[in-house]
């Protein structure tokens, strides 16, 4: 499973979200694909006020403050379905 993390450089919320995902990698098997929204105008327009955004299979699971338990639950749901 691939988890997309939409973020930007020098974003403290983005760094915290990445740390949460890295912690969850110890429990669930997935790859983090970090995407800098400033490298794509369409992504910048879509996510500039929302980042960080965690997305799996085209579904935005969470944005802004990323809560570990919420993401854990959503990832486990996807792994068991």
PDB file of N, CA and C in Angstrom:
ATOM      1  N   UNK A   1       0.855  -1.175   0.000  1.00  0.00           N
ATOM      2  CA  UNK A   1       0.000   0.000   0.000  1.00  0.00           C
ATOM      3  C   UNK A   1       0.899   1.235   0.000  1.00  0.00           C
ATOM      4  N   UNK A   2       0.471   2.227  -0.740  1.00  0.00           N
ATOM      5  CA  UNK A   2       1.203   3.498  -0.812  1.00  0.00           C
ATOM      6  C   UNK A   2       0.341   4.591  -0.186  1.00  0.00           C
ATOM      7  N   UNK A   3       0.949   5.339   0.741  1.00  0.00           N
ATOM      8  CA  UNK A   3       0.285   6.463   1.390  1.00  0.00           C
ATOM      9  C   UNK A   3       0.926   7.742   0.858  1.00  0.00           C
ATOM     10  N   UNK A   4       0.130   8.573   0.206  1.00  0.00           N
ATOM     11  CA  UNK A   4       0.629   9.862  -0.277  1.00  0.00           C
ATOM     12  C   UNK A   4       0.510  10.892   0.838  1.00  0.00           C
ATOM     13  N   UNK A   5       1.592  11.641   1.028  1.00  0.00           N
ATOM     14  CA  UNK A   5       1.606  12.741   1.987  1.00  0.00           C
ATOM     15  C   UNK A   5       1.878  14.020   1.208  1.00  0.00           C
ATOM     16  N   UNK A   6       0.852  14.825   1.025  1.00  0.00           N
ATOM     17  CA  UNK A   6       1.011  16.109   0.348  1.00  0.00           C
ATOM     18  C   UNK A   6       1.500  17.113   1.377  1.00  0.00           C
ATOM     19  N   UNK A   7       2.621  17.778   1.055  1.00  0.00           N
ATOM     20  CA  UNK A   7       3.249  18.665   2.031  1.00  0.00           C
ATOM     21  C   UNK A   7       4.020  19.769   1.308  1.00  0.00           C
ATOM     22  N   UNK A   8       4.743  20.544   2.085  1.00  0.00           N
ATOM     23  CA  UNK A   8       5.653  21.546   1.529  1.00  0.00           C
ATOM     24  C   UNK A   8       6.855  21.658   2.455  1.00  0.00           C
ATOM     25  N   UNK A   9       7.891  22.274   1.965  1.00  0.00           N
ATOM     26  CA  UNK A   9       9.116  22.469   2.742  1.00  0.00           C
ATOM     27  C   UNK A   9       8.847  23.476   3.861  1.00  0.00           C
ATOM     28  N   UNK A  10       9.517  23.272   5.004  1.00  0.00           N
ATOM     29  CA  UNK A  10       9.408  24.170   6.169  1.00  0.00           C
ATOM     30  C   UNK A  10       7.987  24.266   6.710  1.00  0.00           C
ATOM     31  N   UNK A  11       7.310  23.141   6.808  1.00  0.00           N
ATOM     32  CA  UNK A  11       5.949  23.084   7.338  1.00  0.00           C
ATOM     33  C   UNK A  11       5.973  22.183   8.565  1.00  0.00           C
ATOM     34  N   UNK A  12       5.790  22.757   9.741  1.00  0.00           N
ATOM     35  CA  UNK A  12       5.883  21.967  10.975  1.00  0.00           C
ATOM     36  C   UNK A  12       4.783  20.916  11.065  1.00  0.00           C
ATOM     37  N   UNK A  13       3.573  21.245  10.621  1.00  0.00           N
ATOM     38  CA  UNK A  13       2.497  20.250  10.618  1.00  0.00           C
ATOM     39  C   UNK A  13       2.833  19.086   9.680  1.00  0.00           C
ATOM     40  N   UNK A  14       3.486  19.397   8.572  1.00  0.00           N
ATOM     41  CA  UNK A  14       3.869  18.354   7.615  1.00  0.00           C
ATOM     42  C   UNK A  14       4.907  17.419   8.235  1.00  0.00           C
ATOM     43  N   UNK A  15       5.863  17.995   8.956  1.00  0.00           N
ATOM     44  CA  UNK A  15       6.884  17.173   9.611  1.00  0.00           C
ATOM     45  C   UNK A  15       6.254  16.271  10.670  1.00  0.00           C
ATOM     46  N   UNK A  16       5.290  16.805  11.405  1.00  0.00           N
ATOM     47  CA  UNK A  16       4.600  16.001  12.417  1.00  0.00           C
ATOM     48  C   UNK A  16       3.802  14.879  11.762  1.00  0.00           C
ATOM     49  N   UNK A  17       3.144  15.179  10.656  1.00  0.00           N
ATOM     50  CA  UNK A  17       2.376  14.159   9.936  1.00  0.00           C
ATOM     51  C   UNK A  17       3.298  13.054   9.425  1.00  0.00           C
ATOM     52  N   UNK A  18       4.451  13.435   8.902  1.00  0.00           N
ATOM     53  CA  UNK A  18       5.413  12.446   8.412  1.00  0.00           C
ATOM     54  C   UNK A  18       5.898  11.559   9.560  1.00  0.00           C
ATOM     55  N   UNK A  19       6.142  12.155  10.716  1.00  0.00           N
ATOM     56  CA  UNK A  19       6.583  11.381  11.888  1.00  0.00           C
ATOM     57  C   UNK A  19       5.500  10.384  12.315  1.00  0.00           C
ATOM     58  N   UNK A  20       4.250  10.805  12.283  1.00  0.00           N
ATOM     59  CA  UNK A  20       3.129   9.910  12.622  1.00  0.00           C
ATOM     60  C   UNK A  20       3.104   8.736  11.650  1.00  0.00           C
ATOM     61  N   UNK A  21       3.231   9.018  10.360  1.00  0.00           N
ATOM     62  CA  UNK A  21       3.215   7.948   9.366  1.00  0.00           C
ATOM     63  C   UNK A  21       4.399   7.000   9.551  1.00  0.00           C
ATOM     64  N   UNK A  22       5.567   7.551   9.865  1.00  0.00           N
ATOM     65  CA  UNK A  22       6.737   6.708  10.084  1.00  0.00           C
ATOM     66  C   UNK A  22       6.547   5.809  11.307  1.00  0.00           C
ATOM     67  N   UNK A  23       5.912   6.320  12.345  1.00  0.00           N
ATOM     68  CA  UNK A  23       5.614   5.489  13.516  1.00  0.00           C
ATOM     69  C   UNK A  23       4.652   4.366  13.132  1.00  0.00           C
ATOM     70  N   UNK A  24       3.661   4.684  12.328  1.00  0.00           N
ATOM     71  CA  UNK A  24       2.676   3.686  11.927  1.00  0.00           C
ATOM     72  C   UNK A  24       3.267   2.625  10.999  1.00  0.00           C
ATOM     73  N   UNK A  25       4.359   2.954  10.315  1.00  0.00           N
ATOM     74  CA  UNK A  25       5.020   1.967   9.461  1.00  0.00           C
ATOM     75  C   UNK A  25       5.554   0.792  10.282  1.00  0.00           C
ATOM     76  N   UNK A  26       5.766   0.985  11.571  1.00  0.00           N
ATOM     77  CA  UNK A  26       6.234  -0.100  12.427  1.00  0.00           C
ATOM     78  C   UNK A  26       5.103  -1.092  12.704  1.00  0.00           C
ATOM     79  N   UNK A  27       3.862  -0.660  12.513  1.00  0.00           N
ATOM     80  CA  UNK A  27       2.702  -1.512  12.776  1.00  0.00           C
ATOM     81  C   UNK A  27       2.050  -2.031  11.491  1.00  0.00           C
ATOM     82  N   UNK A  28       2.059  -1.227  10.466  1.00  0.00           N
ATOM     83  CA  UNK A  28       1.407  -1.560   9.203  1.00  0.00           C
ATOM     84  C   UNK A  28       2.440  -1.454   8.085  1.00  0.00           C
ATOM     85  N   UNK A  29       2.278  -2.300   7.082  1.00  0.00           N
ATOM     86  CA  UNK A  29       3.217  -2.262   5.968  1.00  0.00           C
ATOM     87  C   UNK A  29       2.686  -1.341   4.878  1.00  0.00           C
ATOM     88  N   UNK A  30       3.371  -0.215   4.690  1.00  0.00           N
ATOM     89  CA  UNK A  30       3.013   0.715   3.624  1.00  0.00           C
ATOM     90  C   UNK A  30       4.217   1.589   3.306  1.00  0.00           C
ATOM     91  N   UNK A  31       4.161   2.197   2.156  1.00  0.00           N
ATOM     92  CA  UNK A  31       5.222   3.082   1.694  1.00  0.00           C
ATOM     93  C   UNK A  31       4.701   4.519   1.744  1.00  0.00           C
ATOM     94  N   UNK A  32       5.554   5.436   2.188  1.00  0.00           N
ATOM     95  CA  UNK A  32       5.181   6.861   2.215  1.00  0.00           C
ATOM     96  C   UNK A  32       5.709   7.514   0.942  1.00  0.00           C
ATOM     97  N   UNK A  33       4.822   8.149   0.213  1.00  0.00           N
ATOM     98  CA  UNK A  33       5.180   8.894  -0.980  1.00  0.00           C
ATOM     99  C   UNK A  33       4.941  10.370  -0.668  1.00  0.00           C
ATOM    100  N   UNK A  34       6.005  11.080  -0.318  1.00  0.00           N
ATOM    101  CA  UNK A  34       5.865  12.497   0.050  1.00  0.00           C
ATOM    102  C   UNK A  34       5.900  13.353  -1.206  1.00  0.00           C
ATOM    103  N   UNK A  35       4.887  14.196  -1.356  1.00  0.00           N
ATOM    104  CA  UNK A  35       4.730  15.011  -2.555  1.00  0.00           C
ATOM    105  C   UNK A  35       4.714  16.486  -2.154  1.00  0.00           C
ATOM    106  N   UNK A  36       5.659  17.251  -2.705  1.00  0.00           N
ATOM    107  CA  UNK A  36       5.740  18.691  -2.443  1.00  0.00           C
ATOM    108  C   UNK A  36       4.743  19.404  -3.354  1.00  0.00           C
ATOM    109  N   UNK A  37       3.724  20.012  -2.768  1.00  0.00           N
ATOM    110  CA  UNK A  37       2.676  20.648  -3.569  1.00  0.00           C
ATOM    111  C   UNK A  37       3.208  21.822  -4.393  1.00  0.00           C
ATOM    112  N   UNK A  38       4.369  22.355  -4.021  1.00  0.00           N
ATOM    113  CA  UNK A  38       4.935  23.478  -4.767  1.00  0.00           C
ATOM    114  C   UNK A  38       5.606  23.037  -6.063  1.00  0.00           C
ATOM    115  N   UNK A  39       5.629  21.736  -6.321  1.00  0.00           N
ATOM    116  CA  UNK A  39       6.199  21.223  -7.568  1.00  0.00           C
ATOM    117  C   UNK A  39       5.134  21.014  -8.639  1.00  0.00           C
ATOM    118  N   UNK A  40       3.871  21.268  -8.309  1.00  0.00           N
ATOM    119  CA  UNK A  40       2.769  21.049  -9.250  1.00  0.00           C
ATOM    120  C   UNK A  40       1.693  22.108  -8.992  1.00  0.00           C
ATOM    121  N   UNK A  41       1.453  22.945  -9.979  1.00  0.00           N
ATOM    122  CA  UNK A  41       0.494  24.047  -9.813  1.00  0.00           C
ATOM    123  C   UNK A  41      -0.904  23.565  -9.437  1.00  0.00           C
ATOM    124  N   UNK A  42      -1.331  22.449 -10.010  1.00  0.00           N
ATOM    125  CA  UNK A  42      -2.670  21.932  -9.708  1.00  0.00           C
ATOM    126  C   UNK A  42      -2.751  21.482  -8.254  1.00  0.00           C
ATOM    127  N   UNK A  43      -1.707  20.836  -7.764  1.00  0.00           N
ATOM    128  CA  UNK A  43      -1.687  20.413  -6.359  1.00  0.00           C
ATOM    129  C   UNK A  43      -1.618  21.614  -5.425  1.00  0.00           C
ATOM    130  N   UNK A  44      -0.842  22.610  -5.813  1.00  0.00           N
ATOM    131  CA  UNK A  44      -0.740  23.828  -5.003  1.00  0.00           C
ATOM    132  C   UNK A  44      -2.114  24.489  -4.881  1.00  0.00           C
ATOM    133  N   UNK A  45      -2.813  24.602  -5.983  1.00  0.00           N
ATOM    134  CA  UNK A  45      -4.141  25.220  -5.954  1.00  0.00           C
ATOM    135  C   UNK A  45      -5.116  24.398  -5.104  1.00  0.00           C
ATOM    136  N   UNK A  46      -5.032  23.062  -5.221  1.00  0.00           N
ATOM    137  CA  UNK A  46      -5.968  22.190  -4.519  1.00  0.00           C
ATOM    138  C   UNK A  46      -5.696  22.119  -3.015  1.00  0.00           C
ATOM    139  N   UNK A  47      -4.419  22.053  -2.626  1.00  0.00           N
ATOM    140  CA  UNK A  47      -4.072  21.737  -1.236  1.00  0.00           C
ATOM    141  C   UNK A  47      -3.414  22.854  -0.437  1.00  0.00           C
ATOM    142  N   UNK A  48      -3.207  24.021  -0.995  1.00  0.00           N
ATOM    143  CA  UNK A  48      -2.386  25.026  -0.319  1.00  0.00           C
ATOM    144  C   UNK A  48      -2.854  25.373   1.093  1.00  0.00           C
ATOM    145  N   UNK A  49      -4.137  25.336   1.365  1.00  0.00           N
ATOM    146  CA  UNK A  49      -4.635  25.668   2.704  1.00  0.00           C
ATOM    147  C   UNK A  49      -4.929  24.431   3.539  1.00  0.00           C
ATOM    148  N   UNK A  50      -4.755  23.240   2.955  1.00  0.00           N
ATOM    149  CA  UNK A  50      -5.124  22.009   3.647  1.00  0.00           C
ATOM    150  C   UNK A  50      -3.927  21.233   4.209  1.00  0.00           C
ATOM    151  N   UNK A  51      -2.731  21.458   3.690  1.00  0.00           N
ATOM    152  CA  UNK A  51      -1.611  20.576   4.013  1.00  0.00           C
ATOM    153  C   UNK A  51      -1.311  20.537   5.504  1.00  0.00           C
ATOM    154  N   UNK A  52      -0.799  19.422   5.939  1.00  0.00           N
ATOM    155  CA  UNK A  52      -0.541  18.203   5.180  1.00  0.00           C
ATOM    156  C   UNK A  52      -1.828  17.443   4.885  1.00  0.00           C
ATOM    157  N   UNK A  53      -1.794  16.669   3.808  1.00  0.00           N
ATOM    158  CA  UNK A  53      -2.923  15.824   3.435  1.00  0.00           C
ATOM    159  C   UNK A  53      -2.410  14.395   3.310  1.00  0.00           C
ATOM    160  N   UNK A  54      -3.119  13.463   3.948  1.00  0.00           N
ATOM    161  CA  UNK A  54      -2.791  12.040   3.849  1.00  0.00           C
ATOM    162  C   UNK A  54      -3.838  11.405   2.943  1.00  0.00           C
ATOM    163  N   UNK A  55      -3.348  10.719   1.894  1.00  0.00           N
ATOM    164  CA  UNK A  55      -4.241  10.136   0.893  1.00  0.00           C
ATOM    165  C   UNK A  55      -3.836   8.689   0.607  1.00  0.00           C
ATOM    166  N   UNK A  56      -4.826   7.819   0.461  1.00  0.00           N
ATOM    167  CA  UNK A  56      -4.594   6.434   0.077  1.00  0.00           C
ATOM    168  C   UNK A  56      -5.592   6.084  -1.018  1.00  0.00           C
ATOM    169  N   UNK A  57      -5.098   5.534  -2.107  1.00  0.00           N
ATOM    170  CA  UNK A  57      -5.954   5.103  -3.219  1.00  0.00           C
ATOM    171  C   UNK A  57      -6.918   6.199  -3.672  1.00  0.00           C
ATOM    172  N   UNK A  58      -6.422   7.430  -3.734  1.00  0.00           N
ATOM    173  CA  UNK A  58      -7.246   8.532  -4.210  1.00  0.00           C
ATOM    174  C   UNK A  58      -8.207   9.111  -3.190  1.00  0.00           C
ATOM    175  N   UNK A  59      -8.236   8.536  -1.978  1.00  0.00           N
ATOM    176  CA  UNK A  59      -9.135   9.043  -0.937  1.00  0.00           C
ATOM    177  C   UNK A  59      -8.340   9.834   0.096  1.00  0.00           C
ATOM    178  N   UNK A  60      -8.750  11.064   0.330  1.00  0.00           N
ATOM    179  CA  UNK A  60      -8.106  11.879   1.362  1.00  0.00           C
ATOM    180  C   UNK A  60      -8.586  11.383   2.722  1.00  0.00           C
ATOM    181  N   UNK A  61      -7.667  10.846   3.505  1.00  0.00           N
ATOM    182  CA  UNK A  61      -8.030  10.318   4.820  1.00  0.00           C
ATOM    183  C   UNK A  61      -8.066  11.403   5.883  1.00  0.00           C
ATOM    184  N   UNK A  62      -7.152  12.360   5.777  1.00  0.00           N
ATOM    185  CA  UNK A  62      -7.066  13.418   6.791  1.00  0.00           C
ATOM    186  C   UNK A  62      -6.229  14.564   6.246  1.00  0.00           C
ATOM    187  N   UNK A  63      -6.431  15.741   6.838  1.00  0.00           N
ATOM    188  CA  UNK A  63      -5.596  16.896   6.490  1.00  0.00           C
ATOM    189  C   UNK A  63      -5.455  17.801   7.702  1.00  0.00           C
ATOM    190  N   UNK A  64      -4.466  18.698   7.625  1.00  0.00           N
ATOM    191  CA  UNK A  64      -4.199  19.595   8.760  1.00  0.00           C
ATOM    192  C   UNK A  64      -3.505  18.836   9.872  1.00  0.00           C
ATOM    193  N   UNK A  65      -4.057  18.874  11.048  1.00  0.00           N
ATOM    194  CA  UNK A  65      -3.477  18.108  12.160  1.00  0.00           C
ATOM    195  C   UNK A  65      -3.816  16.625  11.969  1.00  0.00           C
ATOM    196  N   UNK A  66      -2.775  15.832  11.848  1.00  0.00           N
ATOM    197  CA  UNK A  66      -2.945  14.403  11.586  1.00  0.00           C
ATOM    198  C   UNK A  66      -2.902  13.645  12.909  1.00  0.00           C
ATOM    199  N   UNK A  67      -3.976  12.915  13.190  1.00  0.00           N
ATOM    200  CA  UNK A  67      -4.078  12.175  14.448  1.00  0.00           C
ATOM    201  C   UNK A  67      -3.751  10.710  14.209  1.00  0.00           C
ATOM    202  N   UNK A  68      -2.778  10.225  14.953  1.00  0.00           N
ATOM    203  CA  UNK A  68      -2.246   8.881  14.760  1.00  0.00           C
ATOM    204  C   UNK A  68      -3.319   7.798  14.845  1.00  0.00           C
ATOM    205  N   UNK A  69      -4.170   7.848  15.850  1.00  0.00           N
ATOM    206  CA  UNK A  69      -5.173   6.799  16.037  1.00  0.00           C
ATOM    207  C   UNK A  69      -6.166   6.759  14.877  1.00  0.00           C
ATOM    208  N   UNK A  70      -6.547   7.918  14.378  1.00  0.00           N
ATOM    209  CA  UNK A  70      -7.470   7.976  13.257  1.00  0.00           C
ATOM    210  C   UNK A  70      -6.844   7.338  12.015  1.00  0.00           C
ATOM    211  N   UNK A  71      -5.602   7.704  11.723  1.00  0.00           N
ATOM    212  CA  UNK A  71      -4.911   7.158  10.553  1.00  0.00           C
ATOM    213  C   UNK A  71      -4.684   5.657  10.730  1.00  0.00           C
ATOM    214  N   UNK A  72      -4.300   5.228  11.924  1.00  0.00           N
ATOM    215  CA  UNK A  72      -4.103   3.797  12.189  1.00  0.00           C
ATOM    216  C   UNK A  72      -5.379   3.021  11.860  1.00  0.00           C
ATOM    217  N   UNK A  73      -6.507   3.514  12.354  1.00  0.00           N
ATOM    218  CA  UNK A  73      -7.786   2.841  12.131  1.00  0.00           C
ATOM    219  C   UNK A  73      -8.100   2.752  10.645  1.00  0.00           C
ATOM    220  N   UNK A  74      -7.913   3.848   9.936  1.00  0.00           N
ATOM    221  CA  UNK A  74      -8.223   3.871   8.501  1.00  0.00           C
ATOM    222  C   UNK A  74      -7.299   2.952   7.712  1.00  0.00           C
ATOM    223  N   UNK A  75      -6.019   2.902   8.079  1.00  0.00           N
ATOM    224  CA  UNK A  75      -5.078   2.018   7.382  1.00  0.00           C
ATOM    225  C   UNK A  75      -5.417   0.551   7.648  1.00  0.00           C
ATOM    226  N   UNK A  76      -5.750   0.231   8.893  1.00  0.00           N
ATOM    227  CA  UNK A  76      -6.099  -1.153   9.233  1.00  0.00           C
ATOM    228  C   UNK A  76      -7.369  -1.584   8.503  1.00  0.00           C
ATOM    229  N   UNK A  77      -8.326  -0.676   8.372  1.00  0.00           N
ATOM    230  CA  UNK A  77      -9.550  -0.973   7.619  1.00  0.00           C
ATOM    231  C   UNK A  77      -9.221  -1.337   6.175  1.00  0.00           C
ATOM    232  N   UNK A  78      -8.316  -0.590   5.592  1.00  0.00           N
ATOM    233  CA  UNK A  78      -7.943  -0.836   4.198  1.00  0.00           C
ATOM    234  C   UNK A  78      -7.175  -2.143   4.033  1.00  0.00           C
ATOM    235  N   UNK A  79      -6.389  -2.485   5.033  1.00  0.00           N
ATOM    236  CA  UNK A  79      -5.578  -3.696   4.952  1.00  0.00           C
ATOM    237  C   UNK A  79      -6.436  -4.956   5.125  1.00  0.00           C
ATOM    238  N   UNK A  80      -7.539  -4.849   5.834  1.00  0.00           N
ATOM    239  CA  UNK A  80      -8.372  -6.014   6.095  1.00  0.00           C
ATOM    240  C   UNK A  80      -9.532  -6.159   5.111  1.00  0.00           C
ATOM    241  N   UNK A  81      -9.734  -5.148   4.279  1.00  0.00           N
ATOM    242  CA  UNK A  81     -10.860  -5.241   3.329  1.00  0.00           C
ATOM    243  C   UNK A  81     -10.409  -5.751   1.985  1.00  0.00           C
TER     244      UNK A  81
END
